[in-house]
């Protein structure tokens, strides 16, 4: 077989490329997780960022006196009072953790579902819990009590 006047040789060797990764569910969608040590670009968790924005907006509305109770706020927003309470807890997150979430550098274990679980209100304990999880020392849910 020739192409443009040159002979083409058949390639008999097979090249196998091994790319290690895991599929994980995150926010109702599947994502590829690469092994530790691999360069991974920051990715914002849209659901978590939206929940943070809601939490701080609702806190401002309550602080300003726009609503007398959480029930009034929930009714206005079309959600349950329980949901408002769970989302408002996000305002207790450490500032560096909030910044990491907004930058998309919070790590794969910090998700909205996990932050809906109880977490320490002490900022130092929140940071310690995240560091332990990212280093693989703790296999519990995000920000769980150590």
C-alpha atoms as a PDB file:
ATOM      1  CA  UNK A   1       0.000   0.000   0.000  1.00  0.00           C
ATOM      2  CA  UNK A   2       1.374   3.393  -0.822  1.00  0.00           C
ATOM      3  CA  UNK A   3       0.465   6.864   0.203  1.00  0.00           C
ATOM      4  CA  UNK A   4       1.837   9.826  -1.681  1.00  0.00           C
ATOM      5  CA  UNK A   5       4.507   7.653  -3.217  1.00  0.00           C
ATOM      6  CA  UNK A   6       5.873   6.149   0.031  1.00  0.00           C
ATOM      7  CA  UNK A   7       5.402   2.652   1.297  1.00  0.00           C
ATOM      8  CA  UNK A   8       3.324   2.191   4.432  1.00  0.00           C
ATOM      9  CA  UNK A   9       4.389  -0.565   6.777  1.00  0.00           C
ATOM     10  CA  UNK A  10       1.821  -2.335   8.856  1.00  0.00           C
ATOM     11  CA  UNK A  11       2.090  -1.800  12.564  1.00  0.00           C
ATOM     12  CA  UNK A  12       2.079  -5.118  14.324  1.00  0.00           C
ATOM     13  CA  UNK A  13       2.785  -3.858  17.841  1.00  0.00           C
ATOM     14  CA  UNK A  14      -0.107  -2.925  20.086  1.00  0.00           C
ATOM     15  CA  UNK A  15       0.161   0.026  22.414  1.00  0.00           C
ATOM     16  CA  UNK A  16      -1.772  -0.217  25.662  1.00  0.00           C
ATOM     17  CA  UNK A  17      -2.216   2.915  27.698  1.00  0.00           C
ATOM     18  CA  UNK A  18      -3.186   2.536  31.360  1.00  0.00           C
ATOM     19  CA  UNK A  19      -4.840   5.582  32.935  1.00  0.00           C
ATOM     20  CA  UNK A  20      -5.770   5.044  36.594  1.00  0.00           C
ATOM     21  CA  UNK A  21      -8.981   6.748  37.677  1.00  0.00           C
ATOM     22  CA  UNK A  22     -12.157   6.168  39.659  1.00  0.00           C
ATOM     23  CA  UNK A  23     -15.699   7.249  38.890  1.00  0.00           C
ATOM     24  CA  UNK A  24     -17.390   8.916  41.839  1.00  0.00           C
ATOM     25  CA  UNK A  25     -20.874  10.343  42.297  1.00  0.00           C
ATOM     26  CA  UNK A  26     -20.822  13.999  43.250  1.00  0.00           C
ATOM     27  CA  UNK A  27     -23.857  16.219  43.357  1.00  0.00           C
ATOM     28  CA  UNK A  28     -25.963  13.766  41.364  1.00  0.00           C
ATOM     29  CA  UNK A  29     -23.427  13.417  38.548  1.00  0.00           C
ATOM     30  CA  UNK A  30     -20.437  11.192  37.914  1.00  0.00           C
ATOM     31  CA  UNK A  31     -16.916  12.581  37.947  1.00  0.00           C
ATOM     32  CA  UNK A  32     -13.533  11.084  37.269  1.00  0.00           C
ATOM     33  CA  UNK A  33     -11.153  11.102  40.231  1.00  0.00           C
ATOM     34  CA  UNK A  34      -7.469  10.755  39.453  1.00  0.00           C
ATOM     35  CA  UNK A  35      -4.979   9.225  41.908  1.00  0.00           C
ATOM     36  CA  UNK A  36      -3.458  11.311  44.693  1.00  0.00           C
ATOM     37  CA  UNK A  37      -0.438  13.291  43.568  1.00  0.00           C
ATOM     38  CA  UNK A  38      -1.843  13.927  40.103  1.00  0.00           C
ATOM     39  CA  UNK A  39      -2.368  17.507  39.059  1.00  0.00           C
ATOM     40  CA  UNK A  40      -6.070  18.200  39.064  1.00  0.00           C
ATOM     41  CA  UNK A  41      -7.501  21.566  38.066  1.00  0.00           C
ATOM     42  CA  UNK A  42      -9.802  23.194  40.618  1.00  0.00           C
ATOM     43  CA  UNK A  43     -13.499  22.492  40.071  1.00  0.00           C
ATOM     44  CA  UNK A  44     -16.273  24.425  41.679  1.00  0.00           C
ATOM     45  CA  UNK A  45     -19.137  22.429  43.105  1.00  0.00           C
ATOM     46  CA  UNK A  46     -22.031  24.496  41.753  1.00  0.00           C
ATOM     47  CA  UNK A  47     -24.569  23.089  44.215  1.00  0.00           C
ATOM     48  CA  UNK A  48     -22.293  23.858  47.160  1.00  0.00           C
ATOM     49  CA  UNK A  49     -21.504  27.381  45.923  1.00  0.00           C
ATOM     50  CA  UNK A  50     -25.229  28.061  45.411  1.00  0.00           C
ATOM     51  CA  UNK A  51     -26.024  26.776  48.906  1.00  0.00           C
ATOM     52  CA  UNK A  52     -23.317  29.013  50.417  1.00  0.00           C
ATOM     53  CA  UNK A  53     -24.682  32.023  48.565  1.00  0.00           C
ATOM     54  CA  UNK A  54     -28.202  31.240  49.775  1.00  0.00           C
ATOM     55  CA  UNK A  55     -27.012  30.766  53.354  1.00  0.00           C
ATOM     56  CA  UNK A  56     -25.280  34.133  53.536  1.00  0.00           C
ATOM     57  CA  UNK A  57     -28.145  35.902  51.733  1.00  0.00           C
ATOM     58  CA  UNK A  58     -30.675  34.415  54.133  1.00  0.00           C
ATOM     59  CA  UNK A  59     -28.511  35.366  57.112  1.00  0.00           C
ATOM     60  CA  UNK A  60     -28.365  38.974  55.875  1.00  0.00           C
ATOM     61  CA  UNK A  61     -32.149  38.994  55.436  1.00  0.00           C
ATOM     62  CA  UNK A  62     -32.680  37.701  58.979  1.00  0.00           C
ATOM     63  CA  UNK A  63     -30.100  40.106  60.452  1.00  0.00           C
ATOM     64  CA  UNK A  64     -31.771  43.025  58.661  1.00  0.00           C
ATOM     65  CA  UNK A  65     -35.118  42.073  60.190  1.00  0.00           C
ATOM     66  CA  UNK A  66     -36.798  41.306  56.864  1.00  0.00           C
ATOM     67  CA  UNK A  67     -38.297  38.174  58.455  1.00  0.00           C
ATOM     68  CA  UNK A  68     -39.215  37.567  62.081  1.00  0.00           C
ATOM     69  CA  UNK A  69     -38.798  33.785  62.008  1.00  0.00           C
ATOM     70  CA  UNK A  70     -37.192  31.042  59.963  1.00  0.00           C
ATOM     71  CA  UNK A  71     -40.690  29.860  59.099  1.00  0.00           C
ATOM     72  CA  UNK A  72     -41.509  33.246  57.545  1.00  0.00           C
ATOM     73  CA  UNK A  73     -38.276  33.138  55.533  1.00  0.00           C
ATOM     74  CA  UNK A  74     -38.940  29.554  54.418  1.00  0.00           C
ATOM     75  CA  UNK A  75     -42.463  30.433  53.309  1.00  0.00           C
ATOM     76  CA  UNK A  76     -41.150  33.413  51.323  1.00  0.00           C
ATOM     77  CA  UNK A  77     -38.440  31.288  49.651  1.00  0.00           C
ATOM     78  CA  UNK A  78     -40.764  28.345  48.949  1.00  0.00           C
ATOM     79  CA  UNK A  79     -38.757  25.840  50.997  1.00  0.00           C
ATOM     80  CA  UNK A  80     -39.220  24.079  54.323  1.00  0.00           C
ATOM     81  CA  UNK A  81     -38.012  25.553  57.626  1.00  0.00           C
ATOM     82  CA  UNK A  82     -35.851  22.445  58.070  1.00  0.00           C
ATOM     83  CA  UNK A  83     -34.074  23.168  54.779  1.00  0.00           C
ATOM     84  CA  UNK A  84     -33.473  26.795  55.782  1.00  0.00           C
ATOM     85  CA  UNK A  85     -31.959  25.637  59.077  1.00  0.00           C
ATOM     86  CA  UNK A  86     -29.611  23.150  57.383  1.00  0.00           C
ATOM     87  CA  UNK A  87     -28.462  25.666  54.768  1.00  0.00           C
ATOM     88  CA  UNK A  88     -27.988  28.445  57.342  1.00  0.00           C
ATOM     89  CA  UNK A  89     -25.488  26.220  59.185  1.00  0.00           C
ATOM     90  CA  UNK A  90     -23.104  26.799  56.271  1.00  0.00           C
ATOM     91  CA  UNK A  91     -22.560  30.334  57.615  1.00  0.00           C
ATOM     92  CA  UNK A  92     -20.681  28.674  60.502  1.00  0.00           C
ATOM     93  CA  UNK A  93     -17.954  27.309  58.216  1.00  0.00           C
ATOM     94  CA  UNK A  94     -14.423  28.601  58.689  1.00  0.00           C
ATOM     95  CA  UNK A  95     -13.562  31.490  56.337  1.00  0.00           C
ATOM     96  CA  UNK A  96     -10.662  29.575  54.768  1.00  0.00           C
ATOM     97  CA  UNK A  97     -12.968  26.645  54.027  1.00  0.00           C
ATOM     98  CA  UNK A  98     -15.571  28.980  52.476  1.00  0.00           C
ATOM     99  CA  UNK A  99     -12.815  30.515  50.342  1.00  0.00           C
ATOM    100  CA  UNK A 100     -11.615  27.070  49.240  1.00  0.00           C
ATOM    101  CA  UNK A 101     -15.179  26.121  48.261  1.00  0.00           C
ATOM    102  CA  UNK A 102     -15.599  29.308  46.225  1.00  0.00           C
ATOM    103  CA  UNK A 103     -12.205  28.735  44.541  1.00  0.00           C
ATOM    104  CA  UNK A 104     -12.982  25.076  43.835  1.00  0.00           C
ATOM    105  CA  UNK A 105      -9.986  23.848  45.847  1.00  0.00           C
ATOM    106  CA  UNK A 106     -11.870  22.305  48.779  1.00  0.00           C
ATOM    107  CA  UNK A 107     -11.089  18.699  47.923  1.00  0.00           C
ATOM    108  CA  UNK A 108     -13.396  15.974  46.658  1.00  0.00           C
ATOM    109  CA  UNK A 109     -14.731  14.947  50.088  1.00  0.00           C
ATOM    110  CA  UNK A 110     -16.239  18.354  50.895  1.00  0.00           C
ATOM    111  CA  UNK A 111     -19.679  18.175  49.309  1.00  0.00           C
ATOM    112  CA  UNK A 112     -23.044  19.723  50.068  1.00  0.00           C
ATOM    113  CA  UNK A 113     -24.457  16.357  51.118  1.00  0.00           C
ATOM    114  CA  UNK A 114     -21.670  15.883  53.644  1.00  0.00           C
ATOM    115  CA  UNK A 115     -21.907  19.438  54.934  1.00  0.00           C
ATOM    116  CA  UNK A 116     -25.582  18.855  55.666  1.00  0.00           C
ATOM    117  CA  UNK A 117     -24.399  16.436  58.368  1.00  0.00           C
ATOM    118  CA  UNK A 118     -23.373  17.825  61.791  1.00  0.00           C
ATOM    119  CA  UNK A 119     -19.922  19.413  61.831  1.00  0.00           C
ATOM    120  CA  UNK A 120     -17.806  21.154  64.500  1.00  0.00           C
ATOM    121  CA  UNK A 121     -18.505  24.861  64.942  1.00  0.00           C
ATOM    122  CA  UNK A 122     -14.887  25.523  66.002  1.00  0.00           C
ATOM    123  CA  UNK A 123     -12.983  26.652  62.909  1.00  0.00           C
ATOM    124  CA  UNK A 124      -9.760  24.926  63.995  1.00  0.00           C
ATOM    125  CA  UNK A 125     -11.595  21.600  64.313  1.00  0.00           C
ATOM    126  CA  UNK A 126     -13.124  22.039  60.847  1.00  0.00           C
ATOM    127  CA  UNK A 127      -9.685  22.576  59.333  1.00  0.00           C
ATOM    128  CA  UNK A 128      -8.248  19.603  61.203  1.00  0.00           C
ATOM    129  CA  UNK A 129     -11.066  17.366  59.993  1.00  0.00           C
ATOM    130  CA  UNK A 130     -10.434  18.422  56.369  1.00  0.00           C
ATOM    131  CA  UNK A 131      -6.667  17.904  56.640  1.00  0.00           C
ATOM    132  CA  UNK A 132      -7.125  14.428  58.087  1.00  0.00           C
ATOM    133  CA  UNK A 133      -9.557  13.453  55.339  1.00  0.00           C
ATOM    134  CA  UNK A 134      -7.353  14.754  52.546  1.00  0.00           C
ATOM    135  CA  UNK A 135      -4.317  12.898  53.900  1.00  0.00           C
ATOM    136  CA  UNK A 136      -6.343   9.700  54.134  1.00  0.00           C
ATOM    137  CA  UNK A 137      -6.239   9.448  57.931  1.00  0.00           C
ATOM    138  CA  UNK A 138      -9.986   9.764  58.369  1.00  0.00           C
ATOM    139  CA  UNK A 139     -12.511   7.876  56.286  1.00  0.00           C
ATOM    140  CA  UNK A 140     -15.624   9.485  57.796  1.00  0.00           C
ATOM    141  CA  UNK A 141     -17.915  12.055  56.269  1.00  0.00           C
ATOM    142  CA  UNK A 142     -16.737  15.609  55.674  1.00  0.00           C
ATOM    143  CA  UNK A 143     -16.203  17.663  58.793  1.00  0.00           C
ATOM    144  CA  UNK A 144     -17.367  14.863  61.053  1.00  0.00           C
ATOM    145  CA  UNK A 145     -16.279  15.002  64.649  1.00  0.00           C
ATOM    146  CA  UNK A 146     -12.838  13.412  65.037  1.00  0.00           C
END
